Amino acid sequence: MTKIIKIKDCFHGKRIEKILKANFPNISNREWKISLDKKHITLSDNSPVNWGDRYAVGTEIKIIKLPPQNNNWLPLENKMNKIKIIAENEFWLVLDKPSGMHSLPLASSDNENAASYLRYLRPEIVEKADPPAEGGIVNRLDYWTSGLLVAAKTPQLYIKLRGCLSNHRLEKEYIALVNGKAPQKRQWLHGKVAGTEKDRTIFTPGEGGKGKRAISLLENLDYNRGISLVKLTTRFGCRHQIRVQLQSLNIPIMGDVKYGAESLAFPGFFLWARKITIPVNPEQKRSKKSTLSSTHLPANWIDLLKKTGFKPHFPHLKSF
């Protein structure tokens, strides 16, 4: 049976294979390549679609025959407890994600990501999501960042919450362990962040520079033997924002080798998306807000907090 995909705002200018994968996460890139070669995928006027093509909002893609699907987009049975749902109402739910996990699947065989766990825990949400592969997840966290993700319960609420994110109505609080002594006084980190060709991000302080506006409030919570415990609050969601802002102050996050730190005894770096403040009802412009807190960290992160002397700041922590 022929299926029609209409390109939405979030996929404007994206490559066709990414659009197809997002809408049908159980189908591999190899199968999509075969379908494109066989001309099973065209535009609405029957013009051919080729691998790597990009399309604008509103373009209709016609899939004449769906490729075979697999069932790998689910977490392994013995790992179902790796992610927690900490809060939920009729509009959204909030997940607590451990480090070492992607927010979204990178391929149909990727079963270690927050969206795949959500598919297991709340299949009705993922089935309604548009595209399904994103599971309604509104914000993103780096692979090695532990902390909170928000998932909308319908495509309409997803759009509303993404709008809240774009309009800086979602406030996020991060905790980081950094090498060096952080400034004693609270400090606003204001500037622009921009990506580079080598999968890195650069931060330019002040009003000049290219890229997206990025503002964070830095607070020094504690200092011990060359390591600072810091808190950063932001309503902006730029890629690697916190990491490059801290690097710009010569206090890189512990373990963040990409941005100037030495590696830890275990993989990853210590960045924790600990709190998020979101509208209770995103459909209302002046909705009350709810602040939610992460309660879990990986066991090796908790051990690191103990070794650095900062564990008393978080007495009720549990390990994933």
C-alpha atoms as a PDB file:
ATOM      1  CA  MET A   1       0.000   0.000   0.000  1.00  0.00           C
ATOM      2  CA  THR A   2       1.360   3.424  -0.983  1.00  0.00           C
ATOM      3  CA  LYS A   3       2.327   5.742   1.891  1.00  0.00           C
ATOM      4  CA  ILE A   4       2.737   9.502   1.726  1.00  0.00           C
ATOM      5  CA  ILE A   5       5.160  11.460   3.931  1.00  0.00           C
ATOM      6  CA  LYS A   6       4.799  15.236   4.057  1.00  0.00           C
ATOM      7  CA  ILE A   7       8.040  16.983   5.064  1.00  0.00           C
ATOM      8  CA  LYS A   8       7.591  18.852   8.362  1.00  0.00           C
ATOM      9  CA  ASP A   9       9.470  21.880   9.713  1.00  0.00           C
ATOM     10  CA  CYS A  10      11.925  19.787  11.724  1.00  0.00           C
ATOM     11  CA  PHE A  11      13.076  17.996   8.548  1.00  0.00           C
ATOM     12  CA  HIS A  12      13.356  21.025   6.255  1.00  0.00           C
ATOM     13  CA  GLY A  13      16.546  20.639   4.222  1.00  0.00           C
ATOM     14  CA  LYS A  14      17.415  17.252   5.743  1.00  0.00           C
ATOM     15  CA  ARG A  15      18.685  14.348   3.655  1.00  0.00           C
ATOM     16  CA  ILE A  16      15.988  11.953   2.461  1.00  0.00           C
ATOM     17  CA  GLU A  17      17.524   8.934   4.214  1.00  0.00           C
ATOM     18  CA  LYS A  18      17.330  10.723   7.581  1.00  0.00           C
ATOM     19  CA  ILE A  19      13.675  11.616   6.976  1.00  0.00           C
ATOM     20  CA  LEU A  20      12.821   8.033   6.026  1.00  0.00           C
ATOM     21  CA  LYS A  21      14.718   6.581   9.010  1.00  0.00           C
ATOM     22  CA  ALA A  22      12.959   8.922  11.447  1.00  0.00           C
ATOM     23  CA  ASN A  23       9.528   7.897  10.192  1.00  0.00           C
ATOM     24  CA  PHE A  24      10.323   4.176   9.943  1.00  0.00           C
ATOM     25  CA  PRO A  25      13.036   3.398  12.557  1.00  0.00           C
ATOM     26  CA  ASN A  26      12.775  -0.384  12.037  1.00  0.00           C
ATOM     27  CA  ILE A  27      14.009  -0.179   8.447  1.00  0.00           C
ATOM     28  CA  SER A  28      17.760  -0.203   7.853  1.00  0.00           C
ATOM     29  CA  ASN A  29      19.672   2.247   5.650  1.00  0.00           C
ATOM     30  CA  ARG A  30      20.624  -0.646   3.394  1.00  0.00           C
ATOM     31  CA  GLU A  31      16.939  -1.443   2.735  1.00  0.00           C
ATOM     32  CA  TRP A  32      16.172   2.220   2.020  1.00  0.00           C
ATOM     33  CA  LYS A  33      19.080   2.357  -0.431  1.00  0.00           C
ATOM     34  CA  ILE A  34      17.705  -0.665  -2.275  1.00  0.00           C
ATOM     35  CA  SER A  35      14.207   0.876  -2.432  1.00  0.00           C
ATOM     36  CA  LEU A  36      15.580   4.139  -3.803  1.00  0.00           C
ATOM     37  CA  ASP A  37      17.587   2.282  -6.437  1.00  0.00           C
ATOM     38  CA  LYS A  38      14.442   0.369  -7.459  1.00  0.00           C
ATOM     39  CA  LYS A  39      12.480   3.660  -7.742  1.00  0.00           C
ATOM     40  CA  HIS A  40      10.012   2.539  -5.057  1.00  0.00           C
ATOM     41  CA  ILE A  41      10.206   6.050  -3.590  1.00  0.00           C
ATOM     42  CA  THR A  42       9.227   9.130  -5.617  1.00  0.00           C
ATOM     43  CA  LEU A  43       7.846  12.620  -5.252  1.00  0.00           C
ATOM     44  CA  SER A  44       4.087  13.109  -5.519  1.00  0.00           C
ATOM     45  CA  ASP A  45       4.486  13.874  -9.236  1.00  0.00           C
ATOM     46  CA  ASN A  46       6.395  10.582  -9.685  1.00  0.00           C
ATOM     47  CA  SER A  47       9.776  12.329 -10.057  1.00  0.00           C
ATOM     48  CA  PRO A  48      12.602  10.112  -8.793  1.00  0.00           C
ATOM     49  CA  VAL A  49      14.055  10.486  -5.286  1.00  0.00           C
ATOM     50  CA  ASN A  50      17.765   9.805  -4.843  1.00  0.00           C
ATOM     51  CA  TRP A  51      19.962   9.011  -1.866  1.00  0.00           C
ATOM     52  CA  GLY A  52      21.200  12.269  -0.319  1.00  0.00           C
ATOM     53  CA  ASP A  53      18.475  14.493  -1.805  1.00  0.00           C
ATOM     54  CA  ARG A  54      17.165  17.282   0.413  1.00  0.00           C
ATOM     55  CA  TYR A  55      13.613  18.656   0.406  1.00  0.00           C
ATOM     56  CA  ALA A  56      11.729  21.666   1.707  1.00  0.00           C
ATOM     57  CA  VAL A  57       8.802  21.828   4.113  1.00  0.00           C
ATOM     58  CA  GLY A  58       5.563  20.625   2.555  1.00  0.00           C
ATOM     59  CA  THR A  59       7.178  18.353  -0.040  1.00  0.00           C
ATOM     60  CA  GLU A  60       5.294  15.057  -0.374  1.00  0.00           C
ATOM     61  CA  ILE A  61       7.305  11.840  -0.609  1.00  0.00           C
ATOM     62  CA  LYS A  62       5.516   8.805  -2.024  1.00  0.00           C
ATOM     63  CA  ILE A  63       6.591   5.338  -0.866  1.00  0.00           C
ATOM     64  CA  ILE A  64       5.161   2.845  -3.356  1.00  0.00           C
ATOM     65  CA  LYS A  65       6.423  -0.204  -1.484  1.00  0.00           C
ATOM     66  CA  LEU A  66       7.798  -0.299   2.062  1.00  0.00           C
ATOM     67  CA  PRO A  67      11.074  -2.206   2.542  1.00  0.00           C
ATOM     68  CA  PRO A  68      11.120  -5.111   5.039  1.00  0.00           C
ATOM     69  CA  GLN A  69      11.262  -4.108   8.692  1.00  0.00           C
ATOM     70  CA  ASN A  70      13.018  -5.667  11.658  1.00  0.00           C
ATOM     71  CA  ASN A  71      12.206  -5.622  15.370  1.00  0.00           C
ATOM     72  CA  ASN A  72      15.549  -4.544  16.777  1.00  0.00           C
ATOM     73  CA  TRP A  73      14.414  -1.122  18.005  1.00  0.00           C
ATOM     74  CA  LEU A  74      13.723  -2.356  21.535  1.00  0.00           C
ATOM     75  CA  PRO A  75      16.026  -2.576  24.569  1.00  0.00           C
ATOM     76  CA  LEU A  76      17.381  -5.944  25.583  1.00  0.00           C
ATOM     77  CA  GLU A  77      15.224  -7.804  28.119  1.00  0.00           C
ATOM     78  CA  ASN A  78      17.943  -7.772  30.784  1.00  0.00           C
ATOM     79  CA  LYS A  79      18.406  -4.000  30.570  1.00  0.00           C
ATOM     80  CA  MET A  80      14.838  -2.724  30.917  1.00  0.00           C
ATOM     81  CA  ASN A  81      15.607  -0.885  34.182  1.00  0.00           C
ATOM     82  CA  LYS A  82      18.301   1.386  32.741  1.00  0.00           C
ATOM     83  CA  ILE A  83      16.009   4.399  32.415  1.00  0.00           C
ATOM     84  CA  LYS A  84      13.470   5.873  34.845  1.00  0.00           C
ATOM     85  CA  ILE A  85      10.191   7.763  34.436  1.00  0.00           C
ATOM     86  CA  ILE A  86      10.245  10.274  37.303  1.00  0.00           C
ATOM     87  CA  ALA A  87       7.129  12.361  36.566  1.00  0.00           C
ATOM     88  CA  GLU A  88       4.107  12.337  34.289  1.00  0.00           C
ATOM     89  CA  ASN A  89       0.875  14.210  33.627  1.00  0.00           C
ATOM     90  CA  GLU A  90      -1.654  14.234  30.777  1.00  0.00           C
ATOM     91  CA  PHE A  91       0.658  16.340  28.562  1.00  0.00           C
ATOM     92  CA  TRP A  92       4.194  15.012  29.072  1.00  0.00           C
ATOM     93  CA  LEU A  93       6.463  12.685  30.962  1.00  0.00           C
ATOM     94  CA  VAL A  94      10.038  13.127  32.175  1.00  0.00           C
ATOM     95  CA  LEU A  95      12.741  10.471  31.806  1.00  0.00           C
ATOM     96  CA  ASP A  96      15.963  10.125  33.804  1.00  0.00           C
ATOM     97  CA  LYS A  97      18.632   8.931  31.320  1.00  0.00           C
ATOM     98  CA  PRO A  98      22.011   7.471  32.356  1.00  0.00           C
ATOM     99  CA  SER A  99      25.275   8.394  30.669  1.00  0.00           C
ATOM    100  CA  GLY A 100      26.450   6.143  27.859  1.00  0.00           C
ATOM    101  CA  MET A 101      23.082   6.265  26.088  1.00  0.00           C
ATOM    102  CA  HIS A 102      21.872   8.236  23.067  1.00  0.00           C
ATOM    103  CA  SER A 103      18.628  10.207  23.327  1.00  0.00           C
ATOM    104  CA  LEU A 104      17.425   8.895  19.939  1.00  0.00           C
ATOM    105  CA  PRO A 105      18.243   5.821  17.826  1.00  0.00           C
ATOM    106  CA  LEU A 106      20.999   6.232  15.264  1.00  0.00           C
ATOM    107  CA  ALA A 107      19.954   3.120  13.323  1.00  0.00           C
ATOM    108  CA  SER A 108      17.200   0.505  13.341  1.00  0.00           C
ATOM    109  CA  SER A 109      19.495  -1.861  15.251  1.00  0.00           C
ATOM    110  CA  ASP A 110      20.205   0.729  17.974  1.00  0.00           C
ATOM    111  CA  ASN A 111      18.376  -0.515  21.081  1.00  0.00           C
ATOM    112  CA  GLU A 112      20.382   1.447  23.640  1.00  0.00           C
ATOM    113  CA  ASN A 113      18.698   4.859  23.503  1.00  0.00           C
ATOM    114  CA  ALA A 114      16.039   6.741  25.445  1.00  0.00           C
ATOM    115  CA  ALA A 115      13.434   6.516  22.669  1.00  0.00           C
ATOM    116  CA  SER A 116      13.697   2.716  22.514  1.00  0.00           C
ATOM    117  CA  TYR A 117      13.180   2.451  26.280  1.00  0.00           C
ATOM    118  CA  LEU A 118      10.205   4.764  26.004  1.00  0.00           C
ATOM    119  CA  ARG A 119       8.827   2.521  23.284  1.00  0.00           C
ATOM    120  CA  TYR A 120       8.955  -0.367  25.732  1.00  0.00           C
ATOM    121  CA  LEU A 121       7.610   1.574  28.729  1.00  0.00           C
ATOM    122  CA  ARG A 122       4.963   3.658  26.929  1.00  0.00           C
ATOM    123  CA  PRO A 123       4.384   2.200  23.428  1.00  0.00           C
ATOM    124  CA  GLU A 124       1.234   4.273  22.930  1.00  0.00           C
ATOM    125  CA  ILE A 125       3.283   7.501  23.062  1.00  0.00           C
ATOM    126  CA  VAL A 126       5.829   6.360  20.494  1.00  0.00           C
ATOM    127  CA  GLU A 127       3.098   5.075  18.166  1.00  0.00           C
ATOM    128  CA  LYS A 128       1.526   8.555  18.198  1.00  0.00           C
ATOM    129  CA  ALA A 129       4.854  10.383  17.851  1.00  0.00           C
ATOM    130  CA  ASP A 130       5.724  12.144  14.621  1.00  0.00           C
ATOM    131  CA  PRO A 131       8.281  10.968  13.649  1.00  0.00           C
ATOM    132  CA  PRO A 132       8.044   7.711  15.655  1.00  0.00           C
ATOM    133  CA  ALA A 133      11.816   7.308  16.026  1.00  0.00           C
ATOM    134  CA  GLU A 134      11.964  10.414  18.224  1.00  0.00           C
ATOM    135  CA  GLY A 135       9.325   9.050  20.584  1.00  0.00           C
ATOM    136  CA  GLY A 136       8.057  12.562  21.306  1.00  0.00           C
ATOM    137  CA  ILE A 137      11.336  13.437  23.059  1.00  0.00           C
ATOM    138  CA  VAL A 138      11.603  17.228  23.104  1.00  0.00           C
ATOM    139  CA  ASN A 139      15.157  17.989  24.268  1.00  0.00           C
ATOM    140  CA  ARG A 140      18.440  16.170  23.652  1.00  0.00           C
ATOM    141  CA  LEU A 141      21.369  15.168  25.837  1.00  0.00           C
ATOM    142  CA  ASP A 142      24.858  14.141  24.762  1.00  0.00           C
ATOM    143  CA  TYR A 143      25.679  10.441  24.844  1.00  0.00           C
ATOM    144  CA  TRP A 144      27.786  10.841  28.008  1.00  0.00           C
ATOM    145  CA  THR A 145      25.445  13.307  29.762  1.00  0.00           C
ATOM    146  CA  SER A 146      23.194  11.843  32.439  1.00  0.00           C
ATOM    147  CA  GLY A 147      19.892  13.507  33.327  1.00  0.00           C
ATOM    148  CA  LEU A 148      16.400  14.579  32.344  1.00  0.00           C
ATOM    149  CA  LEU A 149      14.564  14.315  29.030  1.00  0.00           C
ATOM    150  CA  VAL A 150      11.005  15.507  28.363  1.00  0.00           C
ATOM    151  CA  ALA A 151       8.668  13.525  26.083  1.00  0.00           C
ATOM    152  CA  ALA A 152       5.388  14.918  24.726  1.00  0.00           C
ATOM    153  CA  LYS A 153       2.354  12.639  24.580  1.00  0.00           C
ATOM    154  CA  THR A 154       1.027  13.770  21.185  1.00  0.00           C
ATOM    155  CA  PRO A 155       2.529  15.384  18.070  1.00  0.00           C
ATOM    156  CA  GLN A 156       0.610  18.581  18.844  1.00  0.00           C
ATOM    157  CA  LEU A 157       2.085  18.756  22.349  1.00  0.00           C
ATOM    158  CA  TYR A 158       5.525  17.998  20.913  1.00  0.00           C
ATOM    159  CA  ILE A 159       5.229  21.117  18.733  1.00  0.00           C
ATOM    160  CA  LYS A 160       4.107  23.174  21.743  1.00  0.00           C
ATOM    161  CA  LEU A 161       6.974  21.959  23.927  1.00  0.00           C
ATOM    162  CA  ARG A 162       9.526  22.434  21.153  1.00  0.00           C
ATOM    163  CA  GLY A 163       8.177  25.972  20.924  1.00  0.00           C
ATOM    164  CA  CYS A 164       8.754  26.384  24.672  1.00  0.00           C
ATOM    165  CA  LEU A 165      12.325  25.189  24.144  1.00  0.00           C
ATOM    166  CA  SER A 166      12.884  27.600  21.238  1.00  0.00           C
ATOM    167  CA  ASN A 167      11.361  30.485  23.225  1.00  0.00           C
ATOM    168  CA  HIS A 168      13.532  29.704  26.258  1.00  0.00           C
ATOM    169  CA  ARG A 169      10.589  28.735  28.495  1.00  0.00           C
ATOM    170  CA  LEU A 170      12.232  25.449  29.534  1.00  0.00           C
ATOM    171  CA  GLU A 171      14.837  26.157  32.205  1.00  0.00           C
ATOM    172  CA  LYS A 172      17.549  23.537  32.725  1.00  0.00           C
ATOM    173  CA  GLU A 173      20.037  23.137  35.555  1.00  0.00           C
ATOM    174  CA  TYR A 174      23.296  21.226  35.066  1.00  0.00           C
ATOM    175  CA  ILE A 175      25.842  20.004  37.578  1.00  0.00           C
ATOM    176  CA  ALA A 176      29.449  19.455  36.490  1.00  0.00           C
ATOM    177  CA  LEU A 177      32.758  18.497  37.999  1.00  0.00           C
ATOM    178  CA  VAL A 178      35.463  20.642  36.414  1.00  0.00           C
ATOM    179  CA  ASN A 179      39.249  20.726  36.530  1.00  0.00           C
ATOM    180  CA  GLY A 180      40.522  23.873  38.205  1.00  0.00           C
ATOM    181  CA  LYS A 181      39.069  26.585  40.397  1.00  0.00           C
ATOM    182  CA  ALA A 182      35.819  28.078  39.105  1.00  0.00           C
ATOM    183  CA  PRO A 183      35.064  31.800  39.681  1.00  0.00           C
ATOM    184  CA  GLN A 184      33.864  32.431  43.237  1.00  0.00           C
ATOM    185  CA  LYS A 185      31.130  34.868  42.205  1.00  0.00           C
ATOM    186  CA  ARG A 186      28.148  33.971  40.075  1.00  0.00           C
ATOM    187  CA  GLN A 187      28.940  34.708  36.446  1.00  0.00           C
ATOM    188  CA  TRP A 188      26.859  34.989  33.283  1.00  0.00           C
ATOM    189  CA  LEU A 189      28.423  33.234  30.286  1.00  0.00           C
ATOM    190  CA  HIS A 190      27.062  35.068  27.267  1.00  0.00           C
ATOM    191  CA  GLY A 191      28.026  34.620  23.638  1.00  0.00           C
ATOM    192  CA  LYS A 192      27.592  32.534  20.472  1.00  0.00           C
ATOM    193  CA  VAL A 193      28.225  28.844  19.800  1.00  0.00           C
ATOM    194  CA  ALA A 194      28.911  27.432  16.354  1.00  0.00           C
ATOM    195  CA  GLY A 195      29.801  24.016  14.995  1.00  0.00           C
ATOM    196  CA  THR A 196      32.997  23.161  13.120  1.00  0.00           C
ATOM    197  CA  GLU A 197      33.860  20.595  10.476  1.00  0.00           C
ATOM    198  CA  LYS A 198      35.506  18.294  13.049  1.00  0.00           C
ATOM    199  CA  ASP A 199      32.351  17.628  15.112  1.00  0.00           C
ATOM    200  CA  ARG A 200      33.368  20.270  17.639  1.00  0.00           C
ATOM    201  CA  THR A 201      31.703  23.443  18.849  1.00  0.00           C
ATOM    202  CA  ILE A 202      33.366  26.800  19.508  1.00  0.00           C
ATOM    203  CA  PHE A 203      32.182  29.528  21.893  1.00  0.00           C
ATOM    204  CA  THR A 204      32.700  33.226  21.205  1.00  0.00           C
ATOM    205  CA  PRO A 205      31.974  35.430  24.264  1.00  0.00           C
ATOM    206  CA  GLY A 206      30.039  38.669  23.823  1.00  0.00           C
ATOM    207  CA  GLU A 207      27.696  39.925  21.128  1.00  0.00           C
ATOM    208  CA  GLY A 208      29.969  39.261  18.160  1.00  0.00           C
ATOM    209  CA  GLY A 209      30.835  36.012  16.458  1.00  0.00           C
ATOM    210  CA  LYS A 210      28.843  33.564  14.397  1.00  0.00           C
ATOM    211  CA  GLY A 211      26.414  30.908  15.581  1.00  0.00           C
ATOM    212  CA  LYS A 212      23.526  30.581  17.989  1.00  0.00           C
ATOM    213  CA  ARG A 213      23.046  32.725  21.053  1.00  0.00           C
ATOM    214  CA  ALA A 214      24.032  30.889  24.241  1.00  0.00           C
ATOM    215  CA  ILE A 215      23.606  32.166  27.803  1.00  0.00           C
ATOM    216  CA  SER A 216      24.308  30.249  31.005  1.00  0.00           C
ATOM    217  CA  LEU A 217      24.569  31.270  34.674  1.00  0.00           C
ATOM    218  CA  LEU A 218      27.613  29.708  36.362  1.00  0.00           C
ATOM    219  CA  GLU A 219      27.760  29.171  40.138  1.00  0.00           C
ATOM    220  CA  ASN A 220      30.618  27.637  42.110  1.00  0.00           C
ATOM    221  CA  LEU A 221      29.145  25.236  44.687  1.00  0.00           C
ATOM    222  CA  ASP A 222      32.350  23.829  46.172  1.00  0.00           C
ATOM    223  CA  TYR A 223      36.080  23.353  45.615  1.00  0.00           C
ATOM    224  CA  ASN A 224      38.403  20.584  46.765  1.00  0.00           C
ATOM    225  CA  ARG A 225      41.951  19.606  45.722  1.00  0.00           C
ATOM    226  CA  GLY A 226      41.949  21.167  42.272  1.00  0.00           C
ATOM    227  CA  ILE A 227      38.362  20.226  41.365  1.00  0.00           C
ATOM    228  CA  SER A 228      35.273  22.460  41.409  1.00  0.00           C
ATOM    229  CA  LEU A 229      31.645  21.441  41.706  1.00  0.00           C
ATOM    230  CA  VAL A 230      29.631  23.896  39.609  1.00  0.00           C
ATOM    231  CA  LYS A 231      26.023  24.549  38.690  1.00  0.00           C
ATOM    232  CA  LEU A 232      24.932  26.025  35.369  1.00  0.00           C
ATOM    233  CA  THR A 233      21.424  27.260  34.627  1.00  0.00           C
ATOM    234  CA  THR A 234      20.264  27.907  31.084  1.00  0.00           C
ATOM    235  CA  ARG A 235      17.162  28.301  28.951  1.00  0.00           C
ATOM    236  CA  PHE A 236      19.132  27.767  25.753  1.00  0.00           C
ATOM    237  CA  GLY A 237      19.683  24.403  24.080  1.00  0.00           C
ATOM    238  CA  CYS A 238      22.732  24.725  21.830  1.00  0.00           C
ATOM    239  CA  ARG A 239      24.828  21.653  21.097  1.00  0.00           C
ATOM    240  CA  HIS A 240      27.820  21.297  23.469  1.00  0.00           C
ATOM    241  CA  GLN A 241      26.963  24.703  24.961  1.00  0.00           C
ATOM    242  CA  ILE A 242      27.918  23.971  28.579  1.00  0.00           C
ATOM    243  CA  ARG A 243      31.027  22.041  27.556  1.00  0.00           C
ATOM    244  CA  VAL A 244      32.540  24.826  25.426  1.00  0.00           C
ATOM    245  CA  GLN A 245      31.555  27.604  27.827  1.00  0.00           C
ATOM    246  CA  LEU A 246      33.451  25.877  30.636  1.00  0.00           C
ATOM    247  CA  GLN A 247      36.390  25.208  28.328  1.00  0.00           C
ATOM    248  CA  SER A 248      36.499  28.943  27.510  1.00  0.00           C
ATOM    249  CA  LEU A 249      37.157  29.614  31.230  1.00  0.00           C
ATOM    250  CA  ASN A 250      39.945  26.988  31.317  1.00  0.00           C
ATOM    251  CA  ILE A 251      37.888  24.773  33.619  1.00  0.00           C
ATOM    252  CA  PRO A 252      36.926  21.869  31.337  1.00  0.00           C
ATOM    253  CA  ILE A 253      34.542  19.184  32.545  1.00  0.00           C
ATOM    254  CA  MET A 254      36.346  16.220  34.100  1.00  0.00           C
ATOM    255  CA  GLY A 255      36.785  13.534  31.449  1.00  0.00           C
ATOM    256  CA  ASP A 256      35.795  15.783  28.523  1.00  0.00           C
ATOM    257  CA  VAL A 257      38.818  14.979  26.359  1.00  0.00           C
ATOM    258  CA  LYS A 258      37.313  16.681  23.292  1.00  0.00           C
ATOM    259  CA  TYR A 259      37.365  20.029  25.099  1.00  0.00           C
ATOM    260  CA  GLY A 260      40.707  19.921  26.875  1.00  0.00           C
ATOM    261  CA  ALA A 261      40.356  17.639  29.910  1.00  0.00           C
ATOM    262  CA  GLU A 262      42.207  14.445  30.735  1.00  0.00           C
ATOM    263  CA  SER A 263      40.340  11.145  30.558  1.00  0.00           C
ATOM    264  CA  LEU A 264      38.825   9.560  33.659  1.00  0.00           C
ATOM    265  CA  ALA A 265      39.279   5.997  34.886  1.00  0.00           C
ATOM    266  CA  PHE A 266      35.968   5.228  33.147  1.00  0.00           C
ATOM    267  CA  PRO A 267      34.559   6.406  29.788  1.00  0.00           C
ATOM    268  CA  GLY A 268      32.758   9.737  29.498  1.00  0.00           C
ATOM    269  CA  PHE A 269      32.668  13.078  31.323  1.00  0.00           C
ATOM    270  CA  PHE A 270      30.802  14.365  34.386  1.00  0.00           C
ATOM    271  CA  LEU A 271      27.902  16.496  33.154  1.00  0.00           C
ATOM    272  CA  TRP A 272      24.529  15.971  34.840  1.00  0.00           C
ATOM    273  CA  ALA A 273      21.255  17.523  33.576  1.00  0.00           C
ATOM    274  CA  ARG A 274      19.890  17.545  37.120  1.00  0.00           C
ATOM    275  CA  LYS A 275      16.781  19.753  36.971  1.00  0.00           C
ATOM    276  CA  ILE A 276      14.285  20.993  34.425  1.00  0.00           C
ATOM    277  CA  THR A 277      11.446  23.497  34.784  1.00  0.00           C
ATOM    278  CA  ILE A 278       8.574  23.054  32.324  1.00  0.00           C
ATOM    279  CA  PRO A 279       4.998  24.355  31.918  1.00  0.00           C
ATOM    280  CA  VAL A 280       2.483  22.039  33.581  1.00  0.00           C
ATOM    281  CA  ASN A 281       0.172  22.652  30.619  1.00  0.00           C
ATOM    282  CA  PRO A 282       2.173  23.670  27.534  1.00  0.00           C
ATOM    283  CA  GLU A 283      -1.057  24.567  25.719  1.00  0.00           C
ATOM    284  CA  GLN A 284      -1.494  27.566  28.047  1.00  0.00           C
ATOM    285  CA  LYS A 285       0.772  30.596  27.580  1.00  0.00           C
ATOM    286  CA  ARG A 286       0.723  31.412  31.305  1.00  0.00           C
ATOM    287  CA  SER A 287       0.703  27.915  32.661  1.00  0.00           C
ATOM    288  CA  LYS A 288       2.072  27.111  36.102  1.00  0.00           C
ATOM    289  CA  LYS A 289       5.502  25.521  35.968  1.00  0.00           C
ATOM    290  CA  SER A 290       6.868  22.355  37.506  1.00  0.00           C
ATOM    291  CA  THR A 291      10.512  21.838  38.526  1.00  0.00           C
ATOM    292  CA  LEU A 292      11.664  18.236  38.442  1.00  0.00           C
ATOM    293  CA  SER A 293      14.924  16.722  39.687  1.00  0.00           C
ATOM    294  CA  SER A 294      17.034  13.775  38.605  1.00  0.00           C
ATOM    295  CA  THR A 295      17.462  11.250  41.409  1.00  0.00           C
ATOM    296  CA  HIS A 296      19.805   8.724  39.764  1.00  0.00           C
ATOM    297  CA  LEU A 297      23.383   8.641  38.534  1.00  0.00           C
ATOM    298  CA  PRO A 298      25.624   5.845  37.262  1.00  0.00           C
ATOM    299  CA  ALA A 299      27.415   4.076  40.128  1.00  0.00           C
ATOM    300  CA  ASN A 300      30.871   5.189  38.920  1.00  0.00           C
ATOM    301  CA  TRP A 301      29.703   8.831  38.930  1.00  0.00           C
ATOM    302  CA  ILE A 302      28.513   8.483  42.535  1.00  0.00           C
ATOM    303  CA  ASP A 303      31.866   6.965  43.472  1.00  0.00           C
ATOM    304  CA  LEU A 304      33.591   9.952  41.848  1.00  0.00           C
ATOM    305  CA  LEU A 305      31.467  12.353  43.920  1.00  0.00           C
ATOM    306  CA  LYS A 306      32.544  10.479  47.046  1.00  0.00           C
ATOM    307  CA  LYS A 307      36.238  10.555  46.095  1.00  0.00           C
ATOM    308  CA  THR A 308      36.142  14.287  45.386  1.00  0.00           C
ATOM    309  CA  GLY A 309      34.280  14.997  48.641  1.00  0.00           C
ATOM    310  CA  PHE A 310      31.131  16.395  46.995  1.00  0.00           C
ATOM    311  CA  LYS A 311      28.676  13.553  47.697  1.00  0.00           C
ATOM    312  CA  PRO A 312      27.170  15.331  50.803  1.00  0.00           C
ATOM    313  CA  HIS A 313      25.679  17.899  48.392  1.00  0.00           C
ATOM    314  CA  PHE A 314      23.412  15.127  47.045  1.00  0.00           C
ATOM    315  CA  PRO A 315      22.432  12.910  50.012  1.00  0.00           C
ATOM    316  CA  HIS A 316      19.519  11.121  48.341  1.00  0.00           C
ATOM    317  CA  LEU A 317      21.214   9.929  45.156  1.00  0.00           C
ATOM    318  CA  LYS A 318      20.545   6.439  43.869  1.00  0.00           C
ATOM    319  CA  SER A 319      22.438   4.509  41.197  1.00  0.00           C
ATOM    320  CA  PHE A 320      20.817   3.345  37.956  1.00  0.00           C
END
